[in-house]
Amino acid sequence: MKERRRLPILPARSLVPNIVTILALAAGMTSIKFALAAKWELAVGAILLAAVFDALDGRVARLMKGTSRFGAELDSLSDVISFGLAPAIVLYLWTLRDLGGLGWMLALLFAVCCALRLARFNVMSEQEEKPSEFFVGVPSPMGAVLALWPMALTFQLEEPVFRLPYLVAPYVAVVAFLMVSQVPTFSLKKVRVKNEYVLPVLILAGLMAASATVYIWGTLSFACLLYLGLIPFSVRLSRSRKAAMQAERAAARQAKTIVTHPLSRDEPRPPLH
């Protein structure tokens, strides 16, 4: 009779970040409840709260040295629900259902693309020795925020045009494909701010935090515009970094070849100019 495998015991320091992850999951699920009751602002707010918890859980885990494989798997499952399933259902109930079957297909597309993006991220994280300064595609939390941008514009401007399903549908499809694309986007984990820019960055962050308490939907719209505007710069910077790395590797290979295969005395040496 085979001995049953015992589940690994998680240390107490791993519980706190996992609790934060569960709070993110609960916030994402609660957004669906609000959407079923047509409380749209609360539905979007719950997903934004889930994004805040998602940003905190990893940092809390690293701070408390409580990272674990269990926590990583739980985080991925939470992200699929909070940033894939929940936004898809909220958007479907808000406007996409007016398109009938096509609207449901778009909701499914968004949820599936989010799941694929997270699966790819997990595989790449296991292969990379250190985190890259660029994400491959738009991260799932930001993808959810971008997808909900038309709702924020509707709340802010009270314009029904942003709720038209024929405008929202192609926009949601573009965001879904951005998540699974190969487009490099900035990763804040590796961003380094020069000393002379620290104060302006802190001032901008403080202003955005203050405005979010008063003009939350306007601040969200500004954040979405800023993020989309930075994508061309991240693509350009990523290409230049890759070109520089390839040049360094080529130079290293050439130097290694010269060291391992030096010219013998009998071999003619190249003329000096």
Protein backbone atom coordinates (compact mmCIF):
# COMPACT_ATOMS: atom_id res chain seq x y z
CA MET A 1 0.00 0.00 0.00
CA LYS A 2 1.46 3.29 -1.10
CA GLU A 3 2.06 5.96 1.50
CA ARG A 4 -0.10 9.01 0.99
CA ARG A 5 1.78 12.17 0.10
CA ARG A 6 1.58 14.81 2.76
CA LEU A 7 0.79 18.38 1.87
CA PRO A 8 3.65 20.79 2.57
CA ILE A 9 3.19 22.85 5.72
CA LEU A 10 3.26 26.57 5.00
CA PRO A 11 5.18 28.74 7.46
CA ALA A 12 3.20 31.36 9.33
CA ARG A 13 4.93 34.19 7.46
CA SER A 14 3.39 32.88 4.21
CA LEU A 15 -0.16 33.27 5.54
CA VAL A 16 -0.25 37.07 5.43
CA PRO A 17 0.50 37.46 1.67
CA ASN A 18 -1.91 34.60 0.91
CA ILE A 19 -4.61 36.38 2.91
CA VAL A 20 -4.00 39.51 0.82
CA THR A 21 -4.36 37.39 -2.33
CA ILE A 22 -7.65 35.98 -1.04
CA LEU A 23 -8.86 39.54 -0.40
CA ALA A 24 -8.10 40.32 -4.05
CA LEU A 25 -10.09 37.26 -5.11
CA ALA A 26 -12.99 38.28 -2.87
CA ALA A 27 -12.98 41.81 -4.29
CA GLY A 28 -13.07 40.47 -7.84
CA MET A 29 -15.99 38.17 -7.07
CA THR A 30 -17.83 40.97 -5.27
CA SER A 31 -17.64 43.09 -8.42
CA ILE A 32 -19.84 40.49 -10.14
CA LYS A 33 -22.40 40.80 -7.34
CA PHE A 34 -22.47 44.57 -7.78
CA ALA A 35 -22.82 44.20 -11.56
CA LEU A 36 -25.80 41.87 -11.16
CA ALA A 37 -27.43 44.60 -9.08
CA ALA A 38 -26.53 47.24 -11.73
CA LYS A 39 -24.29 49.07 -9.24
CA TRP A 40 -21.72 49.81 -11.90
CA GLU A 41 -19.46 52.22 -10.02
CA LEU A 42 -19.15 49.78 -7.13
CA ALA A 43 -18.42 46.96 -9.58
CA VAL A 44 -15.53 48.87 -11.14
CA GLY A 45 -14.34 49.99 -7.72
CA ALA A 46 -14.21 46.39 -6.49
CA ILE A 47 -11.97 45.39 -9.41
CA LEU A 48 -9.72 48.38 -8.74
CA LEU A 49 -9.52 47.27 -5.11
CA ALA A 50 -8.55 43.78 -6.30
CA ALA A 51 -5.75 45.37 -8.35
CA VAL A 52 -4.48 47.16 -5.24
CA PHE A 53 -4.46 43.91 -3.25
CA ASP A 54 -2.73 42.15 -6.16
CA ALA A 55 0.02 44.77 -6.17
CA LEU A 56 0.49 44.34 -2.43
CA ASP A 57 0.56 40.56 -2.00
CA GLY A 58 3.84 39.98 -3.81
CA ARG A 59 5.55 42.85 -2.05
CA VAL A 60 4.28 41.65 1.33
CA ALA A 61 5.56 38.14 0.55
CA ARG A 62 9.03 39.40 -0.36
CA LEU A 63 9.13 41.74 2.64
CA MET A 64 8.19 38.95 5.05
CA LYS A 65 10.26 36.35 3.14
CA GLY A 66 7.08 34.35 2.77
CA THR A 67 7.17 33.54 -0.94
CA SER A 68 6.02 30.01 -1.78
CA ARG A 69 4.89 27.93 -4.74
CA PHE A 70 1.46 27.69 -3.12
CA GLY A 71 1.21 31.48 -2.99
CA ALA A 72 2.26 31.81 -6.63
CA GLU A 73 -0.40 29.33 -7.78
CA LEU A 74 -3.06 31.00 -5.62
CA ASP A 75 -2.11 34.39 -7.04
CA SER A 76 -2.54 33.16 -10.62
CA LEU A 77 -5.96 31.65 -9.87
CA SER A 78 -7.01 34.87 -8.16
CA ASP A 79 -5.85 36.94 -11.14
CA VAL A 80 -7.84 34.83 -13.61
CA ILE A 81 -11.01 35.48 -11.63
CA SER A 82 -10.40 39.10 -10.60
CA PHE A 83 -8.93 40.40 -13.88
CA GLY A 84 -10.29 37.98 -16.46
CA LEU A 85 -13.65 36.58 -15.42
CA ALA A 86 -14.93 39.52 -13.35
CA PRO A 87 -14.26 42.31 -15.90
CA ALA A 88 -15.66 40.14 -18.69
CA ILE A 89 -18.94 39.59 -16.82
CA VAL A 90 -19.16 43.23 -15.71
CA LEU A 91 -18.67 44.50 -19.26
CA TYR A 92 -21.12 41.94 -20.64
CA LEU A 93 -23.84 42.95 -18.21
CA TRP A 94 -23.07 46.66 -18.72
CA THR A 95 -23.26 46.83 -22.51
CA LEU A 96 -21.93 43.82 -24.44
CA ARG A 97 -25.09 41.77 -23.91
CA ASP A 98 -26.85 44.18 -26.29
CA LEU A 99 -24.85 42.50 -29.06
CA GLY A 100 -26.34 39.09 -28.29
CA GLY A 101 -24.08 36.14 -29.02
CA LEU A 102 -21.29 38.38 -30.32
CA GLY A 103 -21.15 40.20 -26.99
CA TRP A 104 -20.82 36.92 -25.11
CA MET A 105 -18.07 35.79 -27.48
CA LEU A 106 -16.14 39.00 -26.72
CA ALA A 107 -16.56 38.45 -22.99
CA LEU A 108 -15.23 34.90 -23.40
CA LEU A 109 -12.37 36.20 -25.54
CA PHE A 110 -11.27 38.61 -22.84
CA ALA A 111 -11.39 35.97 -20.09
CA VAL A 112 -9.53 33.40 -22.22
CA CYS A 113 -6.82 35.90 -23.22
CA CYS A 114 -6.31 36.78 -19.56
CA ALA A 115 -5.89 33.09 -18.67
CA LEU A 116 -3.44 32.55 -21.54
CA ARG A 117 -1.46 35.62 -20.56
CA LEU A 118 -1.12 34.39 -16.97
CA ALA A 119 -0.12 30.88 -18.09
CA ARG A 120 2.59 32.33 -20.33
CA PHE A 121 3.79 34.59 -17.52
CA ASN A 122 4.13 31.61 -15.15
CA VAL A 123 6.15 29.63 -17.68
CA MET A 124 8.44 32.57 -18.44
CA SER A 125 8.93 33.28 -14.72
CA GLU A 126 10.22 29.73 -14.19
CA GLN A 127 12.64 30.05 -17.12
CA GLU A 128 14.07 33.48 -16.25
CA GLU A 129 16.78 33.72 -13.62
CA LYS A 130 15.86 37.31 -12.73
CA PRO A 131 12.82 39.45 -13.50
CA SER A 132 13.01 41.42 -16.73
CA GLU A 133 12.47 45.15 -16.90
CA PHE A 134 9.74 44.53 -19.47
CA PHE A 135 6.57 42.47 -19.44
CA VAL A 136 5.59 40.54 -22.56
CA GLY A 137 2.16 41.95 -23.31
CA VAL A 138 -0.04 44.00 -21.02
CA PRO A 139 -0.25 42.52 -17.48
CA SER A 140 -3.66 41.15 -16.51
CA PRO A 141 -4.43 43.77 -13.78
CA MET A 142 -3.69 46.61 -16.19
CA GLY A 143 -5.62 44.80 -18.91
CA ALA A 144 -8.67 44.75 -16.63
CA VAL A 145 -8.28 48.45 -15.84
CA LEU A 146 -7.94 49.33 -19.53
CA ALA A 147 -10.99 47.24 -20.42
CA LEU A 148 -13.06 49.11 -17.82
CA TRP A 149 -11.93 52.52 -19.07
CA PRO A 150 -15.14 53.15 -21.10
CA MET A 151 -17.12 52.70 -17.89
CA ALA A 152 -14.91 55.24 -16.10
CA LEU A 153 -15.42 57.72 -18.95
CA THR A 154 -19.17 57.22 -18.72
CA PHE A 155 -19.14 57.88 -14.96
CA GLN A 156 -16.93 60.94 -15.36
CA LEU A 157 -18.46 62.64 -18.39
CA GLU A 158 -21.98 61.20 -18.18
CA GLU A 159 -21.84 60.60 -21.92
CA PRO A 160 -23.83 57.58 -23.17
CA VAL A 161 -21.63 57.36 -26.27
CA PHE A 162 -18.95 55.51 -24.29
CA ARG A 163 -21.52 52.83 -23.48
CA LEU A 164 -22.39 52.04 -27.08
CA PRO A 165 -21.69 48.32 -27.55
CA TYR A 166 -20.40 48.79 -31.10
CA LEU A 167 -17.66 51.07 -29.73
CA VAL A 168 -16.91 49.09 -26.57
CA ALA A 169 -16.71 45.72 -28.35
CA PRO A 170 -13.71 46.42 -30.65
CA TYR A 171 -11.93 48.27 -27.85
CA VAL A 172 -12.27 45.28 -25.50
CA ALA A 173 -11.01 42.98 -28.26
CA VAL A 174 -7.91 45.16 -28.73
CA VAL A 175 -7.18 45.11 -24.99
CA ALA A 176 -7.62 41.32 -24.94
CA PHE A 177 -5.11 40.86 -27.76
CA LEU A 178 -2.67 43.28 -26.09
CA MET A 179 -2.56 40.94 -23.09
CA VAL A 180 -1.46 37.96 -25.20
CA SER A 181 0.68 39.96 -27.61
CA GLN A 182 4.48 40.11 -27.74
CA VAL A 183 4.45 43.88 -27.16
CA PRO A 184 6.98 44.78 -24.43
CA THR A 185 5.56 46.93 -21.65
CA PHE A 186 7.34 48.51 -18.70
CA SER A 187 7.66 46.49 -15.50
CA LEU A 188 7.78 48.61 -12.36
CA LYS A 189 9.72 45.84 -10.59
CA LYS A 190 12.91 46.79 -12.43
CA VAL A 191 12.35 50.50 -13.10
CA ARG A 192 15.12 52.64 -11.66
CA VAL A 193 14.53 56.38 -11.25
CA LYS A 194 17.53 58.70 -11.46
CA ASN A 195 18.18 60.86 -8.42
CA GLU A 196 17.26 64.10 -10.20
CA TYR A 197 13.85 62.65 -11.16
CA VAL A 198 12.92 61.18 -7.77
CA LEU A 199 11.29 64.38 -6.46
CA PRO A 200 9.18 65.06 -9.60
CA VAL A 201 8.04 61.42 -9.64
CA LEU A 202 7.05 61.57 -5.97
CA ILE A 203 5.17 64.84 -6.55
CA LEU A 204 3.31 63.34 -9.52
CA ALA A 205 2.44 60.23 -7.51
CA GLY A 206 1.20 62.38 -4.64
CA LEU A 207 -0.94 64.50 -6.95
CA MET A 208 -2.47 61.40 -8.54
CA ALA A 209 -3.19 59.88 -5.13
CA ALA A 210 -4.82 63.12 -3.97
CA SER A 211 -6.87 63.50 -7.14
CA ALA A 212 -8.00 59.87 -6.90
CA THR A 213 -9.73 60.66 -3.62
CA VAL A 214 -11.74 63.45 -5.28
CA TYR A 215 -11.83 62.65 -9.02
CA ILE A 216 -11.35 58.91 -9.08
CA TRP A 217 -12.70 58.36 -12.60
CA GLY A 218 -10.75 61.27 -14.06
CA THR A 219 -7.58 59.96 -12.41
CA LEU A 220 -8.27 56.49 -13.77
CA SER A 221 -8.71 57.91 -17.27
CA PHE A 222 -5.42 59.82 -16.98
CA ALA A 223 -3.65 56.65 -15.81
CA CYS A 224 -5.00 54.69 -18.79
CA LEU A 225 -3.94 57.41 -21.23
CA LEU A 226 -0.49 57.59 -19.65
CA TYR A 227 -0.04 53.82 -19.80
CA LEU A 228 -1.10 53.54 -23.44
CA GLY A 229 1.10 56.50 -24.33
CA LEU A 230 4.14 54.82 -22.77
CA ILE A 231 3.78 51.62 -24.82
CA PRO A 232 5.59 53.02 -27.93
CA PHE A 233 8.47 54.16 -25.70
CA SER A 234 8.69 50.73 -24.04
CA VAL A 235 8.79 49.06 -27.47
CA ARG A 236 11.56 51.37 -28.66
CA LEU A 237 13.59 51.01 -25.46
CA SER A 238 13.19 47.22 -25.49
CA ARG A 239 14.49 47.00 -29.05
CA SER A 240 17.51 49.16 -28.25
CA ARG A 241 18.29 47.06 -25.16
CA LYS A 242 18.06 43.83 -27.17
CA ALA A 243 20.35 45.26 -29.86
CA ALA A 244 22.89 46.30 -27.22
CA MET A 245 22.77 42.86 -25.57
CA GLN A 246 23.27 41.11 -28.92
CA ALA A 247 26.26 43.35 -29.65
CA GLU A 248 27.77 42.55 -26.24
CA ARG A 249 27.30 38.81 -26.76
CA ALA A 250 28.86 38.98 -30.22
CA ALA A 251 31.85 40.88 -28.82
CA ALA A 252 32.20 38.35 -25.99
CA ARG A 253 32.13 35.42 -28.45
CA GLN A 254 34.73 37.11 -30.62
CA ALA A 255 36.98 37.78 -27.62
CA LYS A 256 36.62 34.15 -26.51
CA THR A 257 37.57 32.93 -29.98
CA ILE A 258 40.71 35.08 -29.99
CA VAL A 259 41.73 33.80 -26.54
CA THR A 260 41.13 30.11 -27.28
CA HIS A 261 42.63 30.23 -30.80
CA PRO A 262 45.58 32.66 -30.74
CA LEU A 263 47.64 33.20 -33.86
CA SER A 264 50.72 30.96 -34.05
CA ARG A 265 54.14 32.28 -34.92
CA ASP A 266 54.02 30.73 -38.39
CA GLU A 267 50.67 32.29 -39.24
CA PRO A 268 50.84 35.62 -41.05
CA ARG A 269 49.67 38.47 -38.87
CA PRO A 270 47.35 41.11 -40.26
CA PRO A 271 49.13 44.29 -41.38
CA LEU A 272 49.02 47.22 -39.00
CA HIS A 273 47.58 50.43 -40.41
